[in-house]
Amino acid sequence: MRYFFFLLIFLLGCTFICTLAKEDLPGKNLFLTSKGKYGSCNFCHKNGGSAGRWDFEYEEISKDEGRIIPSLKGIGKKKSIEQIERSITYMKKMFGFKLTEEEITQIAEYVATL
């Protein structure tokens, strides 16, 4: 019975911590849900990784043709938040995202944690 009680407390604590972590990163929700011409950021950068290549001729993701979609994993160690914001602003214009400056900053802060 005592082990059950400790297990229950542990699981509740983990759930509470996970809930707080999600609230700390509003950029994650924006990364997953903000829609541009072809979908969200997550459409091309699956879980921060890469979905393949972007074919500009057919305007779709391809496995063989087009420009490699870069992975965002570890980008926060290579680039500053300002550099990431500039990249997001470029993608905003290129793919028609409707984002405010504050939302761009939030996404950049999230991407820097990948």
PDB file of N, CA and C in Angstrom:
ATOM      1  N   MET A   1       0.824  -1.188   0.000  1.00  0.00           N
ATOM      2  CA  MET A   1       0.000   0.000   0.000  1.00  0.00           C
ATOM      3  C   MET A   1       0.869   1.253   0.000  1.00  0.00           C
ATOM      4  N   ARG A   2       1.952   1.196   0.750  1.00  0.00           N
ATOM      5  CA  ARG A   2       2.845   2.337   0.843  1.00  0.00           C
ATOM      6  C   ARG A   2       3.486   2.640  -0.527  1.00  0.00           C
ATOM      7  N   TYR A   3       3.843   1.586  -1.273  1.00  0.00           N
ATOM      8  CA  TYR A   3       4.450   1.775  -2.590  1.00  0.00           C
ATOM      9  C   TYR A   3       3.455   2.403  -3.571  1.00  0.00           C
ATOM     10  N   PHE A   4       2.210   2.001  -3.454  1.00  0.00           N
ATOM     11  CA  PHE A   4       1.165   2.565  -4.308  1.00  0.00           C
ATOM     12  C   PHE A   4       1.039   4.062  -4.059  1.00  0.00           C
ATOM     13  N   PHE A   5       1.082   4.459  -2.812  1.00  0.00           N
ATOM     14  CA  PHE A   5       0.984   5.871  -2.457  1.00  0.00           C
ATOM     15  C   PHE A   5       2.148   6.664  -3.053  1.00  0.00           C
ATOM     16  N   PHE A   6       3.372   6.135  -2.919  1.00  0.00           N
ATOM     17  CA  PHE A   6       4.538   6.820  -3.478  1.00  0.00           C
ATOM     18  C   PHE A   6       4.483   6.869  -5.003  1.00  0.00           C
ATOM     19  N   LEU A   7       4.021   5.822  -5.629  1.00  0.00           N
ATOM     20  CA  LEU A   7       3.869   5.784  -7.074  1.00  0.00           C
ATOM     21  C   LEU A   7       2.849   6.827  -7.537  1.00  0.00           C
ATOM     22  N   LEU A   8       1.757   6.932  -6.806  1.00  0.00           N
ATOM     23  CA  LEU A   8       0.726   7.903  -7.141  1.00  0.00           C
ATOM     24  C   LEU A   8       1.265   9.334  -7.026  1.00  0.00           C
ATOM     25  N   ILE A   9       1.981   9.626  -5.954  1.00  0.00           N
ATOM     26  CA  ILE A   9       2.577  10.954  -5.769  1.00  0.00           C
ATOM     27  C   ILE A   9       3.577  11.247  -6.884  1.00  0.00           C
ATOM     28  N   PHE A  10       4.394  10.258  -7.234  1.00  0.00           N
ATOM     29  CA  PHE A  10       5.383  10.420  -8.306  1.00  0.00           C
ATOM     30  C   PHE A  10       4.699  10.735  -9.643  1.00  0.00           C
ATOM     31  N   LEU A  11       3.674   9.994  -9.987  1.00  0.00           N
ATOM     32  CA  LEU A  11       2.970  10.208 -11.257  1.00  0.00           C
ATOM     33  C   LEU A  11       2.275  11.564 -11.297  1.00  0.00           C
ATOM     34  N   LEU A  12       1.668  11.962 -10.203  1.00  0.00           N
ATOM     35  CA  LEU A  12       1.031  13.270 -10.148  1.00  0.00           C
ATOM     36  C   LEU A  12       2.068  14.389 -10.285  1.00  0.00           C
ATOM     37  N   GLY A  13       3.202  14.217  -9.659  1.00  0.00           N
ATOM     38  CA  GLY A  13       4.280  15.206  -9.769  1.00  0.00           C
ATOM     39  C   GLY A  13       4.795  15.319 -11.194  1.00  0.00           C
ATOM     40  N   CYS A  14       4.986  14.194 -11.865  1.00  0.00           N
ATOM     41  CA  CYS A  14       5.436  14.213 -13.261  1.00  0.00           C
ATOM     42  C   CYS A  14       4.415  14.889 -14.158  1.00  0.00           C
ATOM     43  N   THR A  15       3.150  14.602 -13.931  1.00  0.00           N
ATOM     44  CA  THR A  15       2.088  15.227 -14.718  1.00  0.00           C
ATOM     45  C   THR A  15       2.093  16.732 -14.512  1.00  0.00           C
ATOM     46  N   PHE A  16       2.252  17.164 -13.288  1.00  0.00           N
ATOM     47  CA  PHE A  16       2.285  18.594 -12.970  1.00  0.00           C
ATOM     48  C   PHE A  16       3.471  19.267 -13.649  1.00  0.00           C
ATOM     49  N   ILE A  17       4.641  18.649 -13.605  1.00  0.00           N
ATOM     50  CA  ILE A  17       5.846  19.211 -14.225  1.00  0.00           C
ATOM     51  C   ILE A  17       5.685  19.294 -15.739  1.00  0.00           C
ATOM     52  N   CYS A  18       5.114  18.254 -16.355  1.00  0.00           N
ATOM     53  CA  CYS A  18       4.898  18.276 -17.804  1.00  0.00           C
ATOM     54  C   CYS A  18       3.927  19.376 -18.199  1.00  0.00           C
ATOM     55  N   THR A  19       2.914  19.594 -17.409  1.00  0.00           N
ATOM     56  CA  THR A  19       1.948  20.653 -17.685  1.00  0.00           C
ATOM     57  C   THR A  19       2.627  22.015 -17.614  1.00  0.00           C
ATOM     58  N   LEU A  20       3.470  22.216 -16.628  1.00  0.00           N
ATOM     59  CA  LEU A  20       4.183  23.486 -16.511  1.00  0.00           C
ATOM     60  C   LEU A  20       5.146  23.693 -17.672  1.00  0.00           C
ATOM     61  N   ALA A  21       5.808  22.636 -18.101  1.00  0.00           N
ATOM     62  CA  ALA A  21       6.759  22.757 -19.203  1.00  0.00           C
ATOM     63  C   ALA A  21       6.058  23.201 -20.477  1.00  0.00           C
ATOM     64  N   LYS A  22       4.870  22.702 -20.747  1.00  0.00           N
ATOM     65  CA  LYS A  22       4.132  23.091 -21.941  1.00  0.00           C
ATOM     66  C   LYS A  22       3.752  24.560 -21.881  1.00  0.00           C
ATOM     67  N   GLU A  23       3.384  25.053 -20.706  1.00  0.00           N
ATOM     68  CA  GLU A  23       2.997  26.452 -20.570  1.00  0.00           C
ATOM     69  C   GLU A  23       4.198  27.378 -20.694  1.00  0.00           C
ATOM     70  N   ASP A  24       5.391  26.896 -20.362  1.00  0.00           N
ATOM     71  CA  ASP A  24       6.587  27.723 -20.423  1.00  0.00           C
ATOM     72  C   ASP A  24       7.022  27.997 -21.857  1.00  0.00           C
ATOM     73  N   LEU A  25       6.555  27.198 -22.805  1.00  0.00           N
ATOM     74  CA  LEU A  25       6.992  27.343 -24.186  1.00  0.00           C
ATOM     75  C   LEU A  25       5.810  27.603 -25.113  1.00  0.00           C
ATOM     76  N   PRO A  26       5.261  28.822 -25.095  1.00  0.00           N
ATOM     77  CA  PRO A  26       4.132  29.103 -25.991  1.00  0.00           C
ATOM     78  C   PRO A  26       4.531  28.988 -27.452  1.00  0.00           C
ATOM     79  N   GLY A  27       5.822  29.135 -27.747  1.00  0.00           N
ATOM     80  CA  GLY A  27       6.301  28.997 -29.112  1.00  0.00           C
ATOM     81  C   GLY A  27       6.109  27.603 -29.669  1.00  0.00           C
ATOM     82  N   LYS A  28       6.099  26.597 -28.797  1.00  0.00           N
ATOM     83  CA  LYS A  28       5.899  25.222 -29.259  1.00  0.00           C
ATOM     84  C   LYS A  28       4.509  25.081 -29.872  1.00  0.00           C
ATOM     85  N   ASN A  29       3.510  25.614 -29.204  1.00  0.00           N
ATOM     86  CA  ASN A  29       2.153  25.549 -29.738  1.00  0.00           C
ATOM     87  C   ASN A  29       2.063  26.297 -31.068  1.00  0.00           C
ATOM     88  N   LEU A  30       2.702  27.450 -31.160  1.00  0.00           N
ATOM     89  CA  LEU A  30       2.711  28.210 -32.409  1.00  0.00           C
ATOM     90  C   LEU A  30       3.431  27.436 -33.512  1.00  0.00           C
ATOM     91  N   PHE A  31       4.541  26.794 -33.167  1.00  0.00           N
ATOM     92  CA  PHE A  31       5.310  25.989 -34.117  1.00  0.00           C
ATOM     93  C   PHE A  31       4.440  24.872 -34.700  1.00  0.00           C
ATOM     94  N   LEU A  32       3.614  24.284 -33.854  1.00  0.00           N
ATOM     95  CA  LEU A  32       2.783  23.159 -34.283  1.00  0.00           C
ATOM     96  C   LEU A  32       1.499  23.579 -34.984  1.00  0.00           C
ATOM     97  N   THR A  33       0.981  24.774 -34.690  1.00  0.00           N
ATOM     98  CA  THR A  33      -0.357  25.118 -35.174  1.00  0.00           C
ATOM     99  C   THR A  33      -0.446  26.315 -36.111  1.00  0.00           C
ATOM    100  N   SER A  34       0.537  27.206 -36.132  1.00  0.00           N
ATOM    101  CA  SER A  34       0.454  28.382 -37.014  1.00  0.00           C
ATOM    102  C   SER A  34       0.435  27.918 -38.466  1.00  0.00           C
ATOM    103  N   LYS A  35      -0.507  28.429 -39.218  1.00  0.00           N
ATOM    104  CA  LYS A  35      -0.667  27.971 -40.595  1.00  0.00           C
ATOM    105  C   LYS A  35      -0.124  28.985 -41.584  1.00  0.00           C
ATOM    106  N   GLY A  36       0.619  28.477 -42.533  1.00  0.00           N
ATOM    107  CA  GLY A  36       1.095  29.256 -43.664  1.00  0.00           C
ATOM    108  C   GLY A  36       0.476  28.677 -44.923  1.00  0.00           C
ATOM    109  N   LYS A  37       1.065  28.990 -46.038  1.00  0.00           N
ATOM    110  CA  LYS A  37       0.555  28.550 -47.337  1.00  0.00           C
ATOM    111  C   LYS A  37       0.467  27.023 -47.440  1.00  0.00           C
ATOM    112  N   TYR A  38       1.392  26.320 -46.836  1.00  0.00           N
ATOM    113  CA  TYR A  38       1.435  24.856 -46.948  1.00  0.00           C
ATOM    114  C   TYR A  38       1.223  24.117 -45.638  1.00  0.00           C
ATOM    115  N   GLY A  39       0.972  24.826 -44.558  1.00  0.00           N
ATOM    116  CA  GLY A  39       0.769  24.194 -43.262  1.00  0.00           C
ATOM    117  C   GLY A  39       1.628  24.846 -42.199  1.00  0.00           C
ATOM    118  N   SER A  40       1.797  24.140 -41.099  1.00  0.00           N
ATOM    119  CA  SER A  40       2.548  24.683 -39.962  1.00  0.00           C
ATOM    120  C   SER A  40       4.055  24.504 -40.164  1.00  0.00           C
ATOM    121  N   CYS A  41       4.838  25.086 -39.282  1.00  0.00           N
ATOM    122  CA  CYS A  41       6.297  24.898 -39.295  1.00  0.00           C
ATOM    123  C   CYS A  41       6.622  23.410 -39.192  1.00  0.00           C
ATOM    124  N   ASN A  42       5.819  22.723 -38.388  1.00  0.00           N
ATOM    125  CA  ASN A  42       6.021  21.299 -38.144  1.00  0.00           C
ATOM    126  C   ASN A  42       5.794  20.468 -39.407  1.00  0.00           C
ATOM    127  N   PHE A  43       5.118  21.006 -40.413  1.00  0.00           N
ATOM    128  CA  PHE A  43       4.881  20.288 -41.661  1.00  0.00           C
ATOM    129  C   PHE A  43       6.212  19.939 -42.334  1.00  0.00           C
ATOM    130  N   CYS A  44       7.129  20.892 -42.368  1.00  0.00           N
ATOM    131  CA  CYS A  44       8.435  20.662 -42.993  1.00  0.00           C
ATOM    132  C   CYS A  44       9.501  20.217 -41.996  1.00  0.00           C
ATOM    133  N   HIS A  45       9.380  20.675 -40.761  1.00  0.00           N
ATOM    134  CA  HIS A  45      10.376  20.356 -39.725  1.00  0.00           C
ATOM    135  C   HIS A  45       9.720  19.458 -38.688  1.00  0.00           C
ATOM    136  N   LYS A  46       9.455  18.216 -39.059  1.00  0.00           N
ATOM    137  CA  LYS A  46       8.787  17.264 -38.163  1.00  0.00           C
ATOM    138  C   LYS A  46       9.539  17.138 -36.850  1.00  0.00           C
ATOM    139  N   ASN A  47       8.878  17.508 -35.764  1.00  0.00           N
ATOM    140  CA  ASN A  47       9.472  17.457 -34.419  1.00  0.00           C
ATOM    141  C   ASN A  47      10.832  18.150 -34.369  1.00  0.00           C
ATOM    142  N   GLY A  48      10.987  19.189 -35.179  1.00  0.00           N
ATOM    143  CA  GLY A  48      12.238  19.932 -35.213  1.00  0.00           C
ATOM    144  C   GLY A  48      13.260  19.357 -36.164  1.00  0.00           C
ATOM    145  N   GLY A  49      12.993  18.191 -36.707  1.00  0.00           N
ATOM    146  CA  GLY A  49      13.906  17.563 -37.663  1.00  0.00           C
ATOM    147  C   GLY A  49      13.599  18.018 -39.075  1.00  0.00           C
ATOM    148  N   SER A  50      13.798  17.135 -40.026  1.00  0.00           N
ATOM    149  CA  SER A  50      13.550  17.460 -41.427  1.00  0.00           C
ATOM    150  C   SER A  50      12.583  16.456 -42.026  1.00  0.00           C
ATOM    151  N   ALA A  51      11.711  16.940 -42.906  1.00  0.00           N
ATOM    152  CA  ALA A  51      10.751  16.054 -43.573  1.00  0.00           C
ATOM    153  C   ALA A  51      11.258  15.634 -44.948  1.00  0.00           C
ATOM    154  N   GLY A  52      12.442  16.056 -45.337  1.00  0.00           N
ATOM    155  CA  GLY A  52      12.979  15.672 -46.639  1.00  0.00           C
ATOM    156  C   GLY A  52      13.500  16.869 -47.412  1.00  0.00           C
ATOM    157  N   ARG A  53      12.985  17.043 -48.631  1.00  0.00           N
ATOM    158  CA  ARG A  53      13.419  18.119 -49.526  1.00  0.00           C
ATOM    159  C   ARG A  53      12.212  18.933 -49.961  1.00  0.00           C
ATOM    160  N   TRP A  54      12.414  20.237 -50.169  1.00  0.00           N
ATOM    161  CA  TRP A  54      11.336  21.093 -50.652  1.00  0.00           C
ATOM    162  C   TRP A  54      11.522  21.289 -52.151  1.00  0.00           C
ATOM    163  N   ASP A  55      10.546  20.816 -52.927  1.00  0.00           N
ATOM    164  CA  ASP A  55      10.558  20.940 -54.374  1.00  0.00           C
ATOM    165  C   ASP A  55       9.835  22.234 -54.746  1.00  0.00           C
ATOM    166  N   PHE A  56      10.591  23.254 -55.160  1.00  0.00           N
ATOM    167  CA  PHE A  56      10.017  24.563 -55.470  1.00  0.00           C
ATOM    168  C   PHE A  56       9.155  24.520 -56.728  1.00  0.00           C
ATOM    169  N   GLU A  57       9.482  23.627 -57.666  1.00  0.00           N
ATOM    170  CA  GLU A  57       8.708  23.545 -58.906  1.00  0.00           C
ATOM    171  C   GLU A  57       7.280  23.080 -58.639  1.00  0.00           C
ATOM    172  N   TYR A  58       7.140  22.029 -57.854  1.00  0.00           N
ATOM    173  CA  TYR A  58       5.816  21.484 -57.562  1.00  0.00           C
ATOM    174  C   TYR A  58       5.250  21.976 -56.232  1.00  0.00           C
ATOM    175  N   GLU A  59       6.047  22.740 -55.493  1.00  0.00           N
ATOM    176  CA  GLU A  59       5.662  23.287 -54.198  1.00  0.00           C
ATOM    177  C   GLU A  59       5.151  22.207 -53.243  1.00  0.00           C
ATOM    178  N   GLU A  60       6.010  21.230 -53.024  1.00  0.00           N
ATOM    179  CA  GLU A  60       5.678  20.127 -52.126  1.00  0.00           C
ATOM    180  C   GLU A  60       6.947  19.502 -51.574  1.00  0.00           C
ATOM    181  N   ILE A  61       6.775  18.685 -50.550  1.00  0.00           N
ATOM    182  CA  ILE A  61       7.905  17.958 -49.981  1.00  0.00           C
ATOM    183  C   ILE A  61       8.155  16.725 -50.841  1.00  0.00           C
ATOM    184  N   SER A  62       9.425  16.524 -51.166  1.00  0.00           N
ATOM    185  CA  SER A  62       9.829  15.409 -52.006  1.00  0.00           C
ATOM    186  C   SER A  62      10.972  14.669 -51.321  1.00  0.00           C
ATOM    187  N   LYS A  63      11.119  13.400 -51.626  1.00  0.00           N
ATOM    188  CA  LYS A  63      12.241  12.649 -51.048  1.00  0.00           C
ATOM    189  C   LYS A  63      13.490  12.780 -51.904  1.00  0.00           C
ATOM    190  N   ASP A  64      13.319  13.067 -53.197  1.00  0.00           N
ATOM    191  CA  ASP A  64      14.454  13.039 -54.115  1.00  0.00           C
ATOM    192  C   ASP A  64      14.840  14.386 -54.697  1.00  0.00           C
ATOM    193  N   GLU A  65      13.870  15.237 -55.000  1.00  0.00           N
ATOM    194  CA  GLU A  65      14.128  16.479 -55.716  1.00  0.00           C
ATOM    195  C   GLU A  65      14.003  17.692 -54.801  1.00  0.00           C
ATOM    196  N   GLY A  66      14.756  18.730 -55.099  1.00  0.00           N
ATOM    197  CA  GLY A  66      14.607  19.988 -54.388  1.00  0.00           C
ATOM    198  C   GLY A  66      15.671  20.246 -53.344  1.00  0.00           C
ATOM    199  N   ARG A  67      15.444  21.317 -52.631  1.00  0.00           N
ATOM    200  CA  ARG A  67      16.387  21.772 -51.602  1.00  0.00           C
ATOM    201  C   ARG A  67      16.132  21.028 -50.295  1.00  0.00           C
ATOM    202  N   ILE A  68      17.197  20.613 -49.652  1.00  0.00           N
ATOM    203  CA  ILE A  68      17.080  19.892 -48.375  1.00  0.00           C
ATOM    204  C   ILE A  68      16.487  20.815 -47.326  1.00  0.00           C
ATOM    205  N   ILE A  69      15.469  20.334 -46.627  1.00  0.00           N
ATOM    206  CA  ILE A  69      14.874  21.078 -45.518  1.00  0.00           C
ATOM    207  C   ILE A  69      15.774  20.843 -44.310  1.00  0.00           C
ATOM    208  N   PRO A  70      16.337  21.906 -43.751  1.00  0.00           N
ATOM    209  CA  PRO A  70      17.285  21.708 -42.647  1.00  0.00           C
ATOM    210  C   PRO A  70      16.596  21.250 -41.354  1.00  0.00           C
ATOM    211  N   SER A  71      17.320  20.449 -40.611  1.00  0.00           N
ATOM    212  CA  SER A  71      16.863  20.072 -39.283  1.00  0.00           C
ATOM    213  C   SER A  71      17.096  21.253 -38.351  1.00  0.00           C
ATOM    214  N   LEU A  72      16.209  21.438 -37.396  1.00  0.00           N
ATOM    215  CA  LEU A  72      16.350  22.530 -36.437  1.00  0.00           C
ATOM    216  C   LEU A  72      16.981  22.058 -35.126  1.00  0.00           C
ATOM    217  N   LYS A  73      17.261  20.785 -35.026  1.00  0.00           N
ATOM    218  CA  LYS A  73      17.841  20.237 -33.800  1.00  0.00           C
ATOM    219  C   LYS A  73      19.231  20.832 -33.567  1.00  0.00           C
ATOM    220  N   GLY A  74      19.441  21.387 -32.404  1.00  0.00           N
ATOM    221  CA  GLY A  74      20.725  21.965 -32.029  1.00  0.00           C
ATOM    222  C   GLY A  74      20.989  23.350 -32.583  1.00  0.00           C
ATOM    223  N   ILE A  75      20.006  23.942 -33.239  1.00  0.00           N
ATOM    224  CA  ILE A  75      20.218  25.251 -33.864  1.00  0.00           C
ATOM    225  C   ILE A  75      20.466  26.341 -32.822  1.00  0.00           C
ATOM    226  N   GLY A  76      19.919  26.192 -31.632  1.00  0.00           N
ATOM    227  CA  GLY A  76      20.126  27.179 -30.574  1.00  0.00           C
ATOM    228  C   GLY A  76      21.566  27.266 -30.117  1.00  0.00           C
ATOM    229  N   LYS A  77      22.358  26.217 -30.378  1.00  0.00           N
ATOM    230  CA  LYS A  77      23.785  26.233 -30.024  1.00  0.00           C
ATOM    231  C   LYS A  77      24.611  26.912 -31.107  1.00  0.00           C
ATOM    232  N   LYS A  78      24.052  26.975 -32.335  1.00  0.00           N
ATOM    233  CA  LYS A  78      24.783  27.530 -33.471  1.00  0.00           C
ATOM    234  C   LYS A  78      24.394  28.969 -33.789  1.00  0.00           C
ATOM    235  N   LYS A  79      23.148  29.327 -33.493  1.00  0.00           N
ATOM    236  CA  LYS A  79      22.640  30.639 -33.882  1.00  0.00           C
ATOM    237  C   LYS A  79      22.012  31.342 -32.687  1.00  0.00           C
ATOM    238  N   SER A  80      22.043  32.658 -32.726  1.00  0.00           N
ATOM    239  CA  SER A  80      21.419  33.453 -31.669  1.00  0.00           C
ATOM    240  C   SER A  80      19.918  33.528 -31.911  1.00  0.00           C
ATOM    241  N   ILE A  81      19.174  33.956 -30.902  1.00  0.00           N
ATOM    242  CA  ILE A  81      17.724  34.142 -31.034  1.00  0.00           C
ATOM    243  C   ILE A  81      17.427  35.125 -32.169  1.00  0.00           C
ATOM    244  N   GLU A  82      18.212  36.174 -32.295  1.00  0.00           N
ATOM    245  CA  GLU A  82      17.994  37.180 -33.345  1.00  0.00           C
ATOM    246  C   GLU A  82      18.161  36.566 -34.729  1.00  0.00           C
ATOM    247  N   GLN A  83      19.147  35.698 -34.913  1.00  0.00           N
ATOM    248  CA  GLN A  83      19.348  35.035 -36.202  1.00  0.00           C
ATOM    249  C   GLN A  83      18.180  34.098 -36.513  1.00  0.00           C
ATOM    250  N   ILE A  84      17.710  33.398 -35.503  1.00  0.00           N
ATOM    251  CA  ILE A  84      16.567  32.502 -35.694  1.00  0.00           C
ATOM    252  C   ILE A  84      15.325  33.323 -36.038  1.00  0.00           C
ATOM    253  N   GLU A  85      15.140  34.452 -35.374  1.00  0.00           N
ATOM    254  CA  GLU A  85      14.000  35.331 -35.677  1.00  0.00           C
ATOM    255  C   GLU A  85      14.043  35.815 -37.121  1.00  0.00           C
ATOM    256  N   ARG A  86      15.241  36.172 -37.616  1.00  0.00           N
ATOM    257  CA  ARG A  86      15.360  36.614 -39.013  1.00  0.00           C
ATOM    258  C   ARG A  86      14.963  35.494 -39.974  1.00  0.00           C
ATOM    259  N   SER A  87      15.364  34.274 -39.665  1.00  0.00           N
ATOM    260  CA  SER A  87      14.986  33.129 -40.511  1.00  0.00           C
ATOM    261  C   SER A  87      13.479  32.914 -40.497  1.00  0.00           C
ATOM    262  N   ILE A  88      12.871  33.028 -39.333  1.00  0.00           N
ATOM    263  CA  ILE A  88      11.420  32.853 -39.222  1.00  0.00           C
ATOM    264  C   ILE A  88      10.696  33.976 -39.971  1.00  0.00           C
ATOM    265  N   THR A  89      11.207  35.195 -39.890  1.00  0.00           N
ATOM    266  CA  THR A  89      10.606  36.316 -40.617  1.00  0.00           C
ATOM    267  C   THR A  89      10.672  36.064 -42.125  1.00  0.00           C
ATOM    268  N   TYR A  90      11.775  35.516 -42.592  1.00  0.00           N
ATOM    269  CA  TYR A  90      11.909  35.170 -44.016  1.00  0.00           C
ATOM    270  C   TYR A  90      10.882  34.101 -44.398  1.00  0.00           C
ATOM    271  N   MET A  91      10.754  33.068 -43.569  1.00  0.00           N
ATOM    272  CA  MET A  91       9.772  32.008 -43.847  1.00  0.00           C
ATOM    273  C   MET A  91       8.348  32.567 -43.795  1.00  0.00           C
ATOM    274  N   LYS A  92       8.129  33.518 -42.914  1.00  0.00           N
ATOM    275  CA  LYS A  92       6.815  34.159 -42.805  1.00  0.00           C
ATOM    276  C   LYS A  92       6.434  34.802 -44.139  1.00  0.00           C
ATOM    277  N   LYS A  93       7.370  35.533 -44.727  1.00  0.00           N
ATOM    278  CA  LYS A  93       7.110  36.184 -46.005  1.00  0.00           C
ATOM    279  C   LYS A  93       6.996  35.167 -47.137  1.00  0.00           C
ATOM    280  N   MET A  94       7.876  34.203 -47.133  1.00  0.00           N
ATOM    281  CA  MET A  94       7.925  33.231 -48.224  1.00  0.00           C
ATOM    282  C   MET A  94       6.695  32.323 -48.259  1.00  0.00           C
ATOM    283  N   PHE A  95       6.215  31.914 -47.088  1.00  0.00           N
ATOM    284  CA  PHE A  95       5.136  30.940 -47.031  1.00  0.00           C
ATOM    285  C   PHE A  95       3.828  31.491 -46.457  1.00  0.00           C
ATOM    286  N   GLY A  96       3.738  32.801 -46.287  1.00  0.00           N
ATOM    287  CA  GLY A  96       2.480  33.432 -45.923  1.00  0.00           C
ATOM    288  C   GLY A  96       1.978  33.188 -44.515  1.00  0.00           C
ATOM    289  N   PHE A  97       2.901  33.069 -43.557  1.00  0.00           N
ATOM    290  CA  PHE A  97       2.482  32.925 -42.162  1.00  0.00           C
ATOM    291  C   PHE A  97       1.987  34.270 -41.645  1.00  0.00           C
ATOM    292  N   LYS A  98       0.938  34.262 -40.880  1.00  0.00           N
ATOM    293  CA  LYS A  98       0.427  35.480 -40.260  1.00  0.00           C
ATOM    294  C   LYS A  98       0.857  35.456 -38.791  1.00  0.00           C
ATOM    295  N   LEU A  99       2.029  36.019 -38.530  1.00  0.00           N
ATOM    296  CA  LEU A  99       2.606  36.016 -37.186  1.00  0.00           C
ATOM    297  C   LEU A  99       2.954  37.436 -36.766  1.00  0.00           C
ATOM    298  N   THR A 100       2.753  37.724 -35.490  1.00  0.00           N
ATOM    299  CA  THR A 100       3.181  39.004 -34.939  1.00  0.00           C
ATOM    300  C   THR A 100       4.654  38.905 -34.558  1.00  0.00           C
ATOM    301  N   GLU A 101       5.264  40.027 -34.266  1.00  0.00           N
ATOM    302  CA  GLU A 101       6.662  40.030 -33.824  1.00  0.00           C
ATOM    303  C   GLU A 101       6.831  39.220 -32.532  1.00  0.00           C
ATOM    304  N   GLU A 102       5.852  39.349 -31.638  1.00  0.00           N
ATOM    305  CA  GLU A 102       5.900  38.595 -30.377  1.00  0.00           C
ATOM    306  C   GLU A 102       5.836  37.088 -30.639  1.00  0.00           C
ATOM    307  N   GLU A 103       4.990  36.669 -31.561  1.00  0.00           N
ATOM    308  CA  GLU A 103       4.880  35.243 -31.887  1.00  0.00           C
ATOM    309  C   GLU A 103       6.155  34.728 -32.540  1.00  0.00           C
ATOM    310  N   ILE A 104       6.774  35.545 -33.382  1.00  0.00           N
ATOM    311  CA  ILE A 104       8.048  35.158 -33.999  1.00  0.00           C
ATOM    312  C   ILE A 104       9.100  34.939 -32.915  1.00  0.00           C
ATOM    313  N   THR A 105       9.149  35.840 -31.931  1.00  0.00           N
ATOM    314  CA  THR A 105      10.092  35.693 -30.821  1.00  0.00           C
ATOM    315  C   THR A 105       9.814  34.425 -30.028  1.00  0.00           C
ATOM    316  N   GLN A 106       8.542  34.138 -29.774  1.00  0.00           N
ATOM    317  CA  GLN A 106       8.181  32.930 -29.030  1.00  0.00           C
ATOM    318  C   GLN A 106       8.589  31.672 -29.790  1.00  0.00           C
ATOM    319  N   ILE A 107       8.359  31.643 -31.092  1.00  0.00           N
ATOM    320  CA  ILE A 107       8.766  30.479 -31.894  1.00  0.00           C
ATOM    321  C   ILE A 107      10.283  30.345 -31.881  1.00  0.00           C
ATOM    322  N   ALA A 108      10.993  31.473 -32.027  1.00  0.00           N
ATOM    323  CA  ALA A 108      12.455  31.442 -32.010  1.00  0.00           C
ATOM    324  C   ALA A 108      12.995  30.906 -30.696  1.00  0.00           C
ATOM    325  N   GLU A 109      12.383  31.315 -29.588  1.00  0.00           N
ATOM    326  CA  GLU A 109      12.819  30.819 -28.277  1.00  0.00           C
ATOM    327  C   GLU A 109      12.569  29.324 -28.161  1.00  0.00           C
ATOM    328  N   TYR A 110      11.457  28.836 -28.706  1.00  0.00           N
ATOM    329  CA  TYR A 110      11.193  27.389 -28.692  1.00  0.00           C
ATOM    330  C   TYR A 110      12.191  26.649 -29.575  1.00  0.00           C
ATOM    331  N   VAL A 111      12.377  27.139 -30.796  1.00  0.00           N
ATOM    332  CA  VAL A 111      13.291  26.469 -31.737  1.00  0.00           C
ATOM    333  C   VAL A 111      14.699  26.398 -31.153  1.00  0.00           C
ATOM    334  N   ALA A 112      15.112  27.413 -30.413  1.00  0.00           N
ATOM    335  CA  ALA A 112      16.444  27.416 -29.801  1.00  0.00           C
ATOM    336  C   ALA A 112      16.612  26.315 -28.765  1.00  0.00           C
ATOM    337  N   THR A 113      15.503  25.756 -28.268  1.00  0.00           N
ATOM    338  CA  THR A 113      15.590  24.683 -27.261  1.00  0.00           C
ATOM    339  C   THR A 113      15.640  23.300 -27.892  1.00  0.00           C
ATOM    340  N   LEU A 114      15.444  23.208 -29.194  1.00  0.00           N
ATOM    341  CA  LEU A 114      15.414  21.888 -29.850  1.00  0.00           C
ATOM    342  C   LEU A 114      16.781  21.257 -29.893  1.00  0.00           C
TER     343      LEU A 114
END
